[in-house]
């Protein structure tokens, strides 16, 4: 047993001399936080907020009202926001022809550049202004609209920026399916700019 202790002592002394000979100075224990526990997968990045235009009516004319949403390209979320109507601050100038829905709707994108909206049962056919609200809102959901900075108001509503330029439409028309009826509306008669 004495031989094994002596050998261990000799090995430790040899290691200390080797380290000292290499210029590594001795040090005390350094506290460096939590011990390593393995690699963690990268957490998913939250979506970048995007400014979109919801079209409501102001004195009977279509006008854009800018809102912030979680991320670009969520047509279902935007259509649901539009059906929910103006916020409290927007309602001072905005009205809507779209009915408030109590049941969920379905949104799908067709291969013919048309966005299809399936309304719940018992919703009557939509008026022409309501269809224009849908078509113009959906048509303006394309870059560079996602890059428009928000000029915030309360309740998530935003004022229009000073100069936003033309938008290239994402979808040229909207088709709404109701209980026994279907209406298609193109975005051809939508306002060209987001100027209020």
N, C-alpha and C. Protein backbone atom coordinates (compact mmCIF):
# COMPACT_ATOMS: atom_id res chain seq x y z
N UNK A 1 0.80 -1.19 0.00
CA UNK A 1 0.00 0.00 0.00
C UNK A 1 0.84 1.25 0.00
N UNK A 2 2.04 1.12 0.71
CA UNK A 2 2.89 2.30 0.74
C UNK A 2 3.40 2.63 -0.65
N UNK A 3 3.60 1.56 -1.44
CA UNK A 3 4.10 1.77 -2.79
C UNK A 3 3.11 2.50 -3.67
N UNK A 4 1.80 2.16 -3.53
CA UNK A 4 0.80 2.83 -4.35
C UNK A 4 0.61 4.28 -3.93
N UNK A 5 0.69 4.56 -2.63
CA UNK A 5 0.59 5.95 -2.17
C UNK A 5 1.80 6.75 -2.66
N UNK A 6 2.93 6.14 -2.58
CA UNK A 6 4.14 6.82 -3.00
C UNK A 6 4.10 7.09 -4.49
N UNK A 7 3.56 6.13 -5.25
CA UNK A 7 3.46 6.31 -6.69
C UNK A 7 2.49 7.44 -7.04
N UNK A 8 1.36 7.50 -6.33
CA UNK A 8 0.38 8.57 -6.58
C UNK A 8 0.95 9.91 -6.20
N UNK A 9 1.69 9.96 -5.09
CA UNK A 9 2.31 11.20 -4.64
C UNK A 9 3.35 11.66 -5.66
N UNK A 10 4.12 10.68 -6.17
CA UNK A 10 5.14 10.99 -7.15
C UNK A 10 4.51 11.49 -8.45
N UNK A 11 3.41 10.88 -8.87
CA UNK A 11 2.73 11.32 -10.09
C UNK A 11 2.17 12.73 -9.93
N UNK A 12 1.59 13.03 -8.77
CA UNK A 12 1.06 14.37 -8.51
C UNK A 12 2.16 15.41 -8.50
N UNK A 13 3.31 15.08 -7.89
CA UNK A 13 4.44 15.99 -7.82
C UNK A 13 5.01 16.23 -9.22
N UNK A 14 5.05 15.17 -10.02
CA UNK A 14 5.54 15.30 -11.40
C UNK A 14 4.62 16.22 -12.21
N UNK A 15 3.31 16.05 -12.05
CA UNK A 15 2.36 16.91 -12.77
C UNK A 15 2.50 18.37 -12.35
N UNK A 16 2.66 18.62 -11.05
CA UNK A 16 2.80 20.00 -10.56
C UNK A 16 4.07 20.62 -11.09
N UNK A 17 5.16 19.86 -11.11
CA UNK A 17 6.43 20.39 -11.62
C UNK A 17 6.32 20.66 -13.13
N UNK A 18 5.62 19.76 -13.83
CA UNK A 18 5.46 19.96 -15.28
C UNK A 18 4.68 21.24 -15.56
N UNK A 19 3.59 21.45 -14.82
CA UNK A 19 2.80 22.67 -15.02
C UNK A 19 3.59 23.91 -14.65
N UNK A 20 4.34 23.85 -13.59
CA UNK A 20 5.15 25.00 -13.18
C UNK A 20 6.22 25.28 -14.22
N UNK A 21 6.77 24.23 -14.82
CA UNK A 21 7.80 24.40 -15.83
C UNK A 21 7.23 25.01 -17.11
N UNK A 22 5.95 24.81 -17.35
CA UNK A 22 5.33 25.37 -18.56
C UNK A 22 4.89 26.80 -18.37
N UNK A 23 5.04 27.35 -17.22
CA UNK A 23 4.65 28.73 -16.99
C UNK A 23 3.21 28.91 -16.58
N UNK A 24 2.52 27.84 -16.17
CA UNK A 24 1.15 27.95 -15.72
C UNK A 24 1.17 28.20 -14.22
N UNK A 25 0.76 29.38 -13.79
CA UNK A 25 0.82 29.66 -12.35
C UNK A 25 -0.31 28.94 -11.62
N UNK A 26 -0.07 28.56 -10.38
CA UNK A 26 -1.13 27.93 -9.60
C UNK A 26 -2.22 28.95 -9.28
N UNK A 27 -3.46 28.50 -9.13
CA UNK A 27 -4.54 29.41 -8.79
C UNK A 27 -5.52 28.72 -7.85
N UNK A 28 -6.38 29.55 -7.22
CA UNK A 28 -7.43 29.02 -6.37
C UNK A 28 -8.59 28.58 -7.26
N UNK A 29 -9.61 28.01 -6.64
CA UNK A 29 -10.81 27.61 -7.36
C UNK A 29 -11.53 28.87 -7.86
N UNK A 30 -11.91 28.85 -9.12
CA UNK A 30 -12.60 30.00 -9.72
C UNK A 30 -14.07 29.64 -9.87
N UNK A 31 -14.97 30.45 -9.27
CA UNK A 31 -16.41 30.25 -9.39
C UNK A 31 -16.85 30.79 -10.74
N UNK A 32 -17.53 29.96 -11.53
CA UNK A 32 -17.94 30.39 -12.87
C UNK A 32 -19.40 30.11 -13.16
N UNK A 33 -20.25 30.03 -12.14
CA UNK A 33 -21.67 29.84 -12.39
C UNK A 33 -22.06 28.38 -12.39
N UNK A 34 -23.21 28.10 -13.05
CA UNK A 34 -23.77 26.76 -13.10
C UNK A 34 -22.88 25.83 -13.91
N UNK A 35 -22.81 24.57 -13.53
CA UNK A 35 -22.05 23.63 -14.34
C UNK A 35 -22.74 23.39 -15.68
N UNK A 36 -21.96 22.98 -16.67
CA UNK A 36 -22.52 22.71 -18.00
C UNK A 36 -23.53 21.58 -17.90
N UNK A 37 -24.63 21.72 -18.62
CA UNK A 37 -25.66 20.70 -18.54
C UNK A 37 -26.04 20.17 -19.92
N UNK A 38 -25.28 20.45 -20.93
CA UNK A 38 -25.59 19.94 -22.27
C UNK A 38 -26.09 21.03 -23.17
N UNK A 39 -26.19 20.70 -24.43
CA UNK A 39 -26.65 21.66 -25.43
C UNK A 39 -28.17 21.71 -25.45
N UNK A 40 -28.70 22.89 -25.49
CA UNK A 40 -30.14 23.07 -25.61
C UNK A 40 -30.46 23.44 -27.05
N UNK A 41 -31.58 22.95 -27.57
CA UNK A 41 -31.94 23.34 -28.94
C UNK A 41 -32.29 24.83 -28.96
N UNK A 42 -32.02 25.49 -30.08
CA UNK A 42 -32.37 26.91 -30.13
C UNK A 42 -33.87 27.11 -29.99
N UNK A 43 -34.25 28.11 -29.20
CA UNK A 43 -35.68 28.36 -29.03
C UNK A 43 -36.22 29.02 -30.28
N UNK A 44 -37.47 28.69 -30.64
CA UNK A 44 -38.04 29.30 -31.84
C UNK A 44 -38.16 30.80 -31.67
N UNK A 45 -37.87 31.49 -32.76
CA UNK A 45 -37.96 32.95 -32.72
C UNK A 45 -39.42 33.36 -32.83
N UNK A 46 -39.83 34.33 -32.00
CA UNK A 46 -41.21 34.80 -32.12
C UNK A 46 -41.38 35.53 -33.44
N UNK A 47 -42.60 35.50 -34.00
CA UNK A 47 -42.81 36.19 -35.27
C UNK A 47 -42.60 37.69 -35.13
N UNK A 48 -42.08 38.28 -36.17
CA UNK A 48 -41.85 39.72 -36.18
C UNK A 48 -43.19 40.41 -36.41
N UNK A 49 -43.57 41.35 -35.52
CA UNK A 49 -44.85 42.04 -35.72
C UNK A 49 -44.88 42.74 -37.07
N UNK A 50 -46.04 42.71 -37.69
CA UNK A 50 -46.24 43.28 -39.02
C UNK A 50 -47.40 44.25 -38.98
N UNK A 51 -47.30 45.30 -39.76
CA UNK A 51 -48.40 46.26 -39.87
C UNK A 51 -49.22 45.90 -41.10
N UNK A 52 -50.52 45.76 -40.90
CA UNK A 52 -51.42 45.45 -42.01
C UNK A 52 -52.53 46.50 -42.04
N UNK A 53 -53.19 46.61 -43.19
CA UNK A 53 -54.29 47.56 -43.35
C UNK A 53 -55.61 46.80 -43.37
N UNK A 54 -56.48 47.15 -42.44
CA UNK A 54 -57.85 46.63 -42.46
C UNK A 54 -58.71 47.73 -43.07
N UNK A 55 -59.52 47.37 -44.04
CA UNK A 55 -60.36 48.37 -44.71
C UNK A 55 -61.74 48.42 -44.05
N UNK A 56 -62.04 49.59 -43.49
CA UNK A 56 -63.36 49.88 -42.94
C UNK A 56 -63.94 51.03 -43.75
N UNK A 57 -65.13 51.46 -43.39
CA UNK A 57 -65.79 52.55 -44.11
C UNK A 57 -65.75 53.82 -43.29
N UNK A 58 -65.43 54.91 -43.95
CA UNK A 58 -65.45 56.24 -43.34
C UNK A 58 -66.36 57.10 -44.20
N UNK A 59 -67.53 57.42 -43.66
CA UNK A 59 -68.54 58.17 -44.42
C UNK A 59 -68.86 57.48 -45.74
N UNK A 60 -68.94 56.15 -45.69
CA UNK A 60 -69.30 55.37 -46.86
C UNK A 60 -68.16 55.04 -47.80
N UNK A 61 -66.98 55.60 -47.59
CA UNK A 61 -65.82 55.37 -48.45
C UNK A 61 -64.85 54.41 -47.77
N UNK A 62 -64.22 53.54 -48.57
CA UNK A 62 -63.22 52.62 -48.03
C UNK A 62 -61.99 53.38 -47.57
N UNK A 63 -61.53 53.07 -46.36
CA UNK A 63 -60.33 53.68 -45.81
C UNK A 63 -59.52 52.62 -45.08
N UNK A 64 -58.19 52.69 -45.18
CA UNK A 64 -57.36 51.73 -44.44
C UNK A 64 -57.16 52.18 -43.00
N UNK A 65 -57.20 51.23 -42.11
CA UNK A 65 -56.90 51.46 -40.70
C UNK A 65 -55.80 50.46 -40.35
N UNK A 66 -54.63 50.97 -39.98
CA UNK A 66 -53.47 50.11 -39.78
C UNK A 66 -53.49 49.44 -38.41
N UNK A 67 -53.11 48.17 -38.41
CA UNK A 67 -53.04 47.38 -37.17
C UNK A 67 -51.76 46.58 -37.16
N UNK A 68 -51.30 46.21 -35.96
CA UNK A 68 -50.14 45.34 -35.79
C UNK A 68 -50.64 43.91 -35.55
N UNK A 69 -50.03 42.95 -36.25
CA UNK A 69 -50.34 41.54 -36.01
C UNK A 69 -49.03 40.81 -35.74
N UNK A 70 -49.16 39.57 -35.27
CA UNK A 70 -47.99 38.78 -34.87
C UNK A 70 -47.00 38.50 -35.97
N UNK A 71 -47.44 38.25 -37.17
CA UNK A 71 -46.52 37.92 -38.25
C UNK A 71 -47.19 38.06 -39.60
N UNK A 72 -46.38 38.17 -40.67
CA UNK A 72 -46.96 38.37 -42.00
C UNK A 72 -47.59 37.10 -42.55
N UNK A 73 -48.54 37.26 -43.45
CA UNK A 73 -49.08 36.15 -44.21
C UNK A 73 -50.16 35.33 -43.55
N UNK A 74 -50.66 35.73 -42.38
CA UNK A 74 -51.72 34.96 -41.73
C UNK A 74 -53.07 35.52 -42.16
N UNK A 75 -53.55 35.05 -43.32
CA UNK A 75 -54.79 35.56 -43.89
C UNK A 75 -55.99 35.28 -42.99
N UNK A 76 -56.02 34.11 -42.37
CA UNK A 76 -57.13 33.78 -41.47
C UNK A 76 -57.24 34.75 -40.33
N UNK A 77 -56.11 35.09 -39.69
CA UNK A 77 -56.12 36.03 -38.57
C UNK A 77 -56.57 37.41 -39.01
N UNK A 78 -56.13 37.84 -40.19
CA UNK A 78 -56.51 39.16 -40.69
C UNK A 78 -58.00 39.22 -41.01
N UNK A 79 -58.52 38.18 -41.65
CA UNK A 79 -59.95 38.15 -41.98
C UNK A 79 -60.78 38.15 -40.69
N UNK A 80 -60.35 37.41 -39.68
CA UNK A 80 -61.08 37.41 -38.40
C UNK A 80 -61.04 38.79 -37.74
N UNK A 81 -59.90 39.47 -37.81
CA UNK A 81 -59.81 40.84 -37.27
C UNK A 81 -60.78 41.77 -37.99
N UNK A 82 -60.87 41.62 -39.31
CA UNK A 82 -61.76 42.48 -40.09
C UNK A 82 -63.21 42.24 -39.70
N UNK A 83 -63.61 40.97 -39.55
CA UNK A 83 -64.98 40.67 -39.14
C UNK A 83 -65.26 41.13 -37.71
N UNK A 84 -64.22 41.24 -36.87
CA UNK A 84 -64.41 41.71 -35.49
C UNK A 84 -64.76 43.19 -35.44
N UNK A 85 -64.49 43.91 -36.51
CA UNK A 85 -64.88 45.32 -36.59
C UNK A 85 -63.83 46.27 -36.06
N UNK A 86 -64.14 47.57 -36.12
CA UNK A 86 -63.20 48.59 -35.66
C UNK A 86 -62.97 48.51 -34.15
N UNK A 87 -61.78 48.91 -33.72
CA UNK A 87 -61.49 49.02 -32.30
C UNK A 87 -62.23 50.24 -31.74
N UNK A 88 -62.15 50.43 -30.45
CA UNK A 88 -62.82 51.57 -29.82
C UNK A 88 -62.31 52.89 -30.41
N UNK A 89 -61.00 53.02 -30.57
CA UNK A 89 -60.47 54.28 -31.12
C UNK A 89 -60.80 54.44 -32.60
N UNK A 90 -60.82 53.33 -33.37
CA UNK A 90 -61.17 53.41 -34.79
C UNK A 90 -62.66 53.73 -34.99
N UNK A 91 -63.50 53.29 -34.06
CA UNK A 91 -64.95 53.45 -34.20
C UNK A 91 -65.39 54.91 -34.18
N UNK A 92 -64.50 55.82 -33.80
CA UNK A 92 -64.86 57.24 -33.85
C UNK A 92 -65.00 57.72 -35.29
N UNK A 93 -64.32 57.03 -36.23
CA UNK A 93 -64.41 57.42 -37.64
C UNK A 93 -64.78 56.26 -38.55
N UNK A 94 -64.68 55.02 -38.07
CA UNK A 94 -64.86 53.85 -38.95
C UNK A 94 -66.14 53.09 -38.64
N UNK A 95 -66.75 52.57 -39.71
CA UNK A 95 -67.89 51.65 -39.58
C UNK A 95 -67.59 50.43 -40.44
N UNK A 96 -68.41 49.42 -40.34
CA UNK A 96 -68.21 48.22 -41.14
C UNK A 96 -69.55 47.68 -41.63
N UNK A 97 -69.52 47.06 -42.79
CA UNK A 97 -70.70 46.39 -43.33
C UNK A 97 -70.64 44.89 -43.06
N UNK A 98 -69.53 44.41 -42.50
CA UNK A 98 -69.38 42.99 -42.22
C UNK A 98 -70.10 42.63 -40.93
N UNK A 99 -70.79 41.49 -40.91
CA UNK A 99 -71.51 41.10 -39.68
C UNK A 99 -70.53 40.59 -38.63
N UNK A 100 -70.92 40.75 -37.37
CA UNK A 100 -70.14 40.14 -36.28
C UNK A 100 -70.49 38.67 -36.25
N UNK A 101 -69.48 37.82 -36.27
CA UNK A 101 -69.71 36.38 -36.31
C UNK A 101 -69.61 35.78 -34.91
N UNK A 102 -70.50 34.86 -34.61
CA UNK A 102 -70.42 34.15 -33.34
C UNK A 102 -69.77 32.79 -33.50
N UNK A 103 -69.77 32.26 -34.73
CA UNK A 103 -69.13 30.98 -35.02
C UNK A 103 -67.90 31.21 -35.88
N UNK A 104 -66.93 30.28 -35.85
CA UNK A 104 -65.71 30.47 -36.63
C UNK A 104 -65.93 30.38 -38.13
N UNK A 105 -65.06 31.04 -38.87
CA UNK A 105 -65.07 30.96 -40.32
C UNK A 105 -63.82 30.22 -40.77
N UNK A 106 -63.81 29.78 -42.03
CA UNK A 106 -62.66 29.08 -42.60
C UNK A 106 -62.09 29.90 -43.75
N UNK A 107 -60.76 29.98 -43.80
CA UNK A 107 -60.09 30.73 -44.86
C UNK A 107 -59.12 29.78 -45.56
N UNK A 108 -59.16 29.77 -46.91
CA UNK A 108 -58.26 28.93 -47.70
C UNK A 108 -57.78 29.72 -48.91
N UNK A 109 -56.58 29.41 -49.36
CA UNK A 109 -56.02 30.07 -50.54
C UNK A 109 -56.09 29.10 -51.70
N UNK A 110 -56.75 29.52 -52.78
CA UNK A 110 -56.89 28.68 -53.97
C UNK A 110 -55.74 28.89 -54.94
N UNK A 111 -55.59 27.97 -55.86
CA UNK A 111 -54.53 28.06 -56.86
C UNK A 111 -54.78 29.13 -57.91
N UNK A 112 -55.99 29.68 -57.94
CA UNK A 112 -56.33 30.69 -58.96
C UNK A 112 -56.17 32.11 -58.44
N UNK A 113 -55.32 32.29 -57.41
CA UNK A 113 -55.06 33.61 -56.84
C UNK A 113 -56.31 34.20 -56.17
N UNK A 114 -57.19 33.33 -55.69
CA UNK A 114 -58.40 33.77 -55.00
C UNK A 114 -58.37 33.25 -53.57
N UNK A 115 -58.71 34.12 -52.63
CA UNK A 115 -58.82 33.71 -51.24
C UNK A 115 -60.27 33.32 -50.99
N UNK A 116 -60.50 32.12 -50.48
CA UNK A 116 -61.86 31.64 -50.21
C UNK A 116 -62.17 31.75 -48.72
N UNK A 117 -63.34 32.28 -48.42
CA UNK A 117 -63.80 32.43 -47.04
C UNK A 117 -65.12 31.70 -46.91
N UNK A 118 -65.18 30.71 -46.03
CA UNK A 118 -66.41 29.95 -45.79
C UNK A 118 -67.02 30.46 -44.48
N UNK A 119 -68.18 31.10 -44.59
CA UNK A 119 -68.85 31.67 -43.43
C UNK A 119 -69.71 30.60 -42.74
N UNK A 120 -69.97 30.79 -41.45
CA UNK A 120 -70.86 29.84 -40.76
C UNK A 120 -72.28 29.94 -41.29
N UNK A 121 -73.09 28.96 -40.94
CA UNK A 121 -74.50 28.94 -41.40
C UNK A 121 -75.26 30.16 -40.90
N UNK A 122 -76.31 30.48 -41.61
CA UNK A 122 -77.26 31.54 -41.26
C UNK A 122 -76.71 32.95 -41.42
N UNK A 123 -75.54 33.12 -42.05
CA UNK A 123 -75.05 34.47 -42.34
C UNK A 123 -75.63 34.88 -43.68
N UNK A 124 -76.34 36.00 -43.75
CA UNK A 124 -76.94 36.41 -45.02
C UNK A 124 -75.87 36.86 -46.01
N UNK A 125 -76.21 36.94 -47.30
CA UNK A 125 -75.23 37.40 -48.29
C UNK A 125 -74.67 38.77 -47.92
N UNK A 126 -73.38 38.95 -48.18
CA UNK A 126 -72.70 40.19 -47.82
C UNK A 126 -73.00 41.29 -48.84
N UNK A 127 -73.02 42.52 -48.37
CA UNK A 127 -73.25 43.67 -49.25
C UNK A 127 -72.01 43.94 -50.09
N UNK A 128 -72.17 44.77 -51.11
CA UNK A 128 -71.04 45.14 -51.96
C UNK A 128 -69.94 45.84 -51.16
N UNK A 129 -70.27 46.84 -50.28
CA UNK A 129 -69.20 47.45 -49.47
C UNK A 129 -68.48 46.43 -48.57
N UNK A 130 -69.21 45.47 -48.03
CA UNK A 130 -68.58 44.45 -47.18
C UNK A 130 -67.60 43.61 -47.99
N UNK A 131 -68.00 43.24 -49.20
CA UNK A 131 -67.11 42.46 -50.06
C UNK A 131 -65.87 43.26 -50.44
N UNK A 132 -66.04 44.55 -50.68
CA UNK A 132 -64.88 45.41 -50.97
C UNK A 132 -63.95 45.50 -49.77
N UNK A 133 -64.50 45.57 -48.56
CA UNK A 133 -63.67 45.58 -47.36
C UNK A 133 -62.77 44.35 -47.34
N UNK A 134 -63.36 43.19 -47.62
CA UNK A 134 -62.59 41.95 -47.64
C UNK A 134 -61.55 41.94 -48.75
N UNK A 135 -61.98 42.25 -49.96
CA UNK A 135 -61.07 42.18 -51.11
C UNK A 135 -59.90 43.14 -50.96
N UNK A 136 -60.15 44.36 -50.52
CA UNK A 136 -59.08 45.35 -50.39
C UNK A 136 -58.12 45.00 -49.25
N UNK A 137 -58.65 44.50 -48.15
CA UNK A 137 -57.79 44.11 -47.04
C UNK A 137 -56.87 42.98 -47.46
N UNK A 138 -57.41 41.96 -48.10
CA UNK A 138 -56.62 40.81 -48.51
C UNK A 138 -55.62 41.19 -49.60
N UNK A 139 -56.03 42.04 -50.55
CA UNK A 139 -55.15 42.43 -51.65
C UNK A 139 -53.93 43.20 -51.16
N UNK A 140 -54.06 43.89 -50.05
CA UNK A 140 -52.95 44.69 -49.54
C UNK A 140 -52.07 43.97 -48.54
N UNK A 141 -52.29 42.67 -48.39
CA UNK A 141 -51.44 41.88 -47.49
C UNK A 141 -50.21 41.36 -48.21
N UNK A 142 -49.44 42.22 -48.80
CA UNK A 142 -48.23 41.80 -49.51
C UNK A 142 -47.11 42.75 -49.16
N UNK A 143 -45.86 42.29 -49.18
CA UNK A 143 -44.75 43.23 -49.04
C UNK A 143 -44.85 44.27 -50.15
N UNK A 144 -44.50 45.53 -49.97
CA UNK A 144 -43.83 46.05 -48.81
C UNK A 144 -44.73 46.45 -47.65
N UNK A 145 -46.00 46.08 -47.65
CA UNK A 145 -46.89 46.46 -46.56
C UNK A 145 -46.36 45.96 -45.22
N UNK A 146 -45.73 44.79 -45.20
CA UNK A 146 -45.19 44.24 -43.96
C UNK A 146 -44.08 45.12 -43.40
N UNK A 147 -43.49 45.97 -44.24
CA UNK A 147 -42.39 46.80 -43.80
C UNK A 147 -42.84 48.18 -43.32
N UNK A 148 -44.13 48.47 -43.41
CA UNK A 148 -44.62 49.78 -43.00
C UNK A 148 -44.49 49.92 -41.49
N UNK A 149 -43.82 50.98 -41.00
CA UNK A 149 -43.72 51.13 -39.55
C UNK A 149 -45.06 51.50 -38.95
N UNK A 150 -45.27 51.10 -37.71
CA UNK A 150 -46.53 51.42 -37.04
C UNK A 150 -46.42 52.77 -36.37
N UNK A 151 -47.47 53.52 -36.42
CA UNK A 151 -47.60 54.77 -35.70
C UNK A 151 -48.73 54.56 -34.72
N UNK A 152 -48.40 54.08 -33.53
CA UNK A 152 -49.38 53.51 -32.61
C UNK A 152 -50.37 54.46 -31.99
N UNK A 153 -51.56 53.93 -31.79
CA UNK A 153 -52.62 54.52 -30.99
C UNK A 153 -52.96 53.51 -29.91
N UNK A 154 -53.94 53.80 -29.10
CA UNK A 154 -54.36 52.80 -28.12
C UNK A 154 -55.17 51.70 -28.77
N UNK A 155 -55.42 50.62 -28.11
CA UNK A 155 -56.08 49.37 -28.49
C UNK A 155 -55.50 48.70 -29.74
N UNK A 156 -54.20 48.88 -29.97
CA UNK A 156 -53.57 48.18 -31.08
C UNK A 156 -53.79 48.83 -32.42
N UNK A 157 -54.57 49.91 -32.49
CA UNK A 157 -54.82 50.58 -33.76
C UNK A 157 -53.64 51.49 -34.07
N UNK A 158 -53.44 51.79 -35.33
CA UNK A 158 -52.34 52.65 -35.74
C UNK A 158 -52.84 53.69 -36.70
N UNK A 159 -52.18 54.83 -36.68
CA UNK A 159 -52.47 55.87 -37.66
C UNK A 159 -51.70 55.56 -38.92
N UNK A 160 -52.16 56.03 -40.05
CA UNK A 160 -51.47 55.77 -41.31
C UNK A 160 -50.15 56.53 -41.34
N UNK A 161 -49.09 55.93 -41.87
CA UNK A 161 -47.83 56.64 -42.00
C UNK A 161 -47.94 57.72 -43.07
N UNK A 162 -47.00 58.69 -43.06
CA UNK A 162 -47.12 59.79 -43.99
C UNK A 162 -47.07 59.41 -45.45
N UNK A 163 -46.22 58.45 -45.85
CA UNK A 163 -46.12 58.11 -47.27
C UNK A 163 -45.84 56.63 -47.39
N UNK A 164 -46.77 55.86 -47.94
CA UNK A 164 -46.59 54.42 -48.00
C UNK A 164 -46.47 53.88 -49.41
N UNK A 165 -46.87 54.62 -50.40
CA UNK A 165 -46.71 54.18 -51.77
C UNK A 165 -47.70 53.10 -52.19
N UNK A 166 -47.50 52.56 -53.38
CA UNK A 166 -48.39 51.56 -53.96
C UNK A 166 -48.13 50.18 -53.36
N UNK A 167 -49.13 49.37 -53.30
CA UNK A 167 -49.01 47.98 -52.88
C UNK A 167 -49.29 47.09 -54.08
N UNK A 168 -48.53 46.02 -54.19
CA UNK A 168 -48.87 45.05 -55.22
C UNK A 168 -49.77 44.00 -54.58
N UNK A 169 -50.92 43.72 -55.16
CA UNK A 169 -51.87 42.85 -54.49
C UNK A 169 -51.35 41.43 -54.31
N UNK A 170 -51.67 40.85 -53.14
CA UNK A 170 -51.30 39.47 -52.85
C UNK A 170 -52.29 38.54 -53.54
N UNK A 171 -53.56 38.84 -53.42
CA UNK A 171 -54.62 38.04 -54.05
C UNK A 171 -55.53 39.02 -54.77
N UNK A 172 -55.86 38.69 -56.01
CA UNK A 172 -56.62 39.63 -56.83
C UNK A 172 -58.12 39.60 -56.55
N UNK A 173 -58.61 38.54 -55.86
CA UNK A 173 -60.04 38.50 -55.56
C UNK A 173 -60.31 37.63 -54.34
N UNK A 174 -61.52 37.81 -53.81
CA UNK A 174 -61.99 37.06 -52.64
C UNK A 174 -63.30 36.39 -53.02
N UNK A 175 -63.44 35.13 -52.64
CA UNK A 175 -64.70 34.40 -52.87
C UNK A 175 -65.25 34.02 -51.50
N UNK A 176 -66.48 34.45 -51.23
CA UNK A 176 -67.11 34.18 -49.94
C UNK A 176 -68.24 33.18 -50.15
N UNK A 177 -68.20 32.10 -49.37
CA UNK A 177 -69.22 31.05 -49.43
C UNK A 177 -70.10 31.16 -48.19
N UNK A 178 -71.40 31.31 -48.43
CA UNK A 178 -72.36 31.34 -47.33
C UNK A 178 -73.27 30.13 -47.40
N UNK A 179 -74.33 30.19 -46.64
CA UNK A 179 -75.30 29.09 -46.59
C UNK A 179 -76.22 29.20 -47.81
N UNK A 180 -75.83 28.56 -48.93
CA UNK A 180 -76.62 28.61 -50.15
C UNK A 180 -76.28 29.75 -51.08
N UNK A 181 -75.22 30.49 -50.83
CA UNK A 181 -74.83 31.58 -51.71
C UNK A 181 -73.30 31.69 -51.80
N UNK A 182 -72.83 32.27 -52.90
CA UNK A 182 -71.40 32.51 -53.12
C UNK A 182 -71.26 33.86 -53.82
N UNK A 183 -70.33 34.69 -53.35
CA UNK A 183 -70.06 35.99 -53.98
C UNK A 183 -68.55 36.09 -54.18
N UNK A 184 -68.15 36.57 -55.36
CA UNK A 184 -66.74 36.82 -55.65
C UNK A 184 -66.56 38.31 -55.89
N UNK A 185 -65.50 38.85 -55.31
CA UNK A 185 -65.21 40.28 -55.46
C UNK A 185 -63.74 40.45 -55.82
N UNK A 186 -63.47 41.18 -56.91
CA UNK A 186 -62.08 41.46 -57.27
C UNK A 186 -61.61 42.69 -56.51
N UNK A 187 -60.29 42.85 -56.48
CA UNK A 187 -59.69 44.00 -55.80
C UNK A 187 -59.42 45.14 -56.76
N UNK A 188 -59.98 45.06 -57.97
CA UNK A 188 -59.71 46.07 -58.99
C UNK A 188 -60.18 47.47 -58.59
N UNK A 189 -61.26 47.56 -57.82
CA UNK A 189 -61.76 48.90 -57.47
C UNK A 189 -61.31 49.36 -56.10
N UNK A 190 -60.26 48.75 -55.57
CA UNK A 190 -59.74 49.19 -54.27
C UNK A 190 -58.93 50.48 -54.42
N UNK A 191 -58.87 51.27 -53.34
CA UNK A 191 -58.02 52.49 -53.39
C UNK A 191 -56.57 52.10 -53.69
N UNK A 192 -55.87 52.98 -54.41
CA UNK A 192 -54.49 52.68 -54.80
C UNK A 192 -53.48 52.87 -53.69
N UNK A 193 -53.80 53.67 -52.70
CA UNK A 193 -52.81 53.94 -51.65
C UNK A 193 -53.46 53.86 -50.30
N UNK A 194 -52.63 53.91 -49.28
CA UNK A 194 -53.13 53.85 -47.91
C UNK A 194 -53.28 55.25 -47.31
N UNK A 195 -53.31 56.26 -48.12
CA UNK A 195 -53.50 57.59 -47.58
C UNK A 195 -54.91 57.73 -47.03
N UNK A 196 -55.06 58.16 -45.75
CA UNK A 196 -56.40 58.29 -45.18
C UNK A 196 -57.16 59.47 -45.78
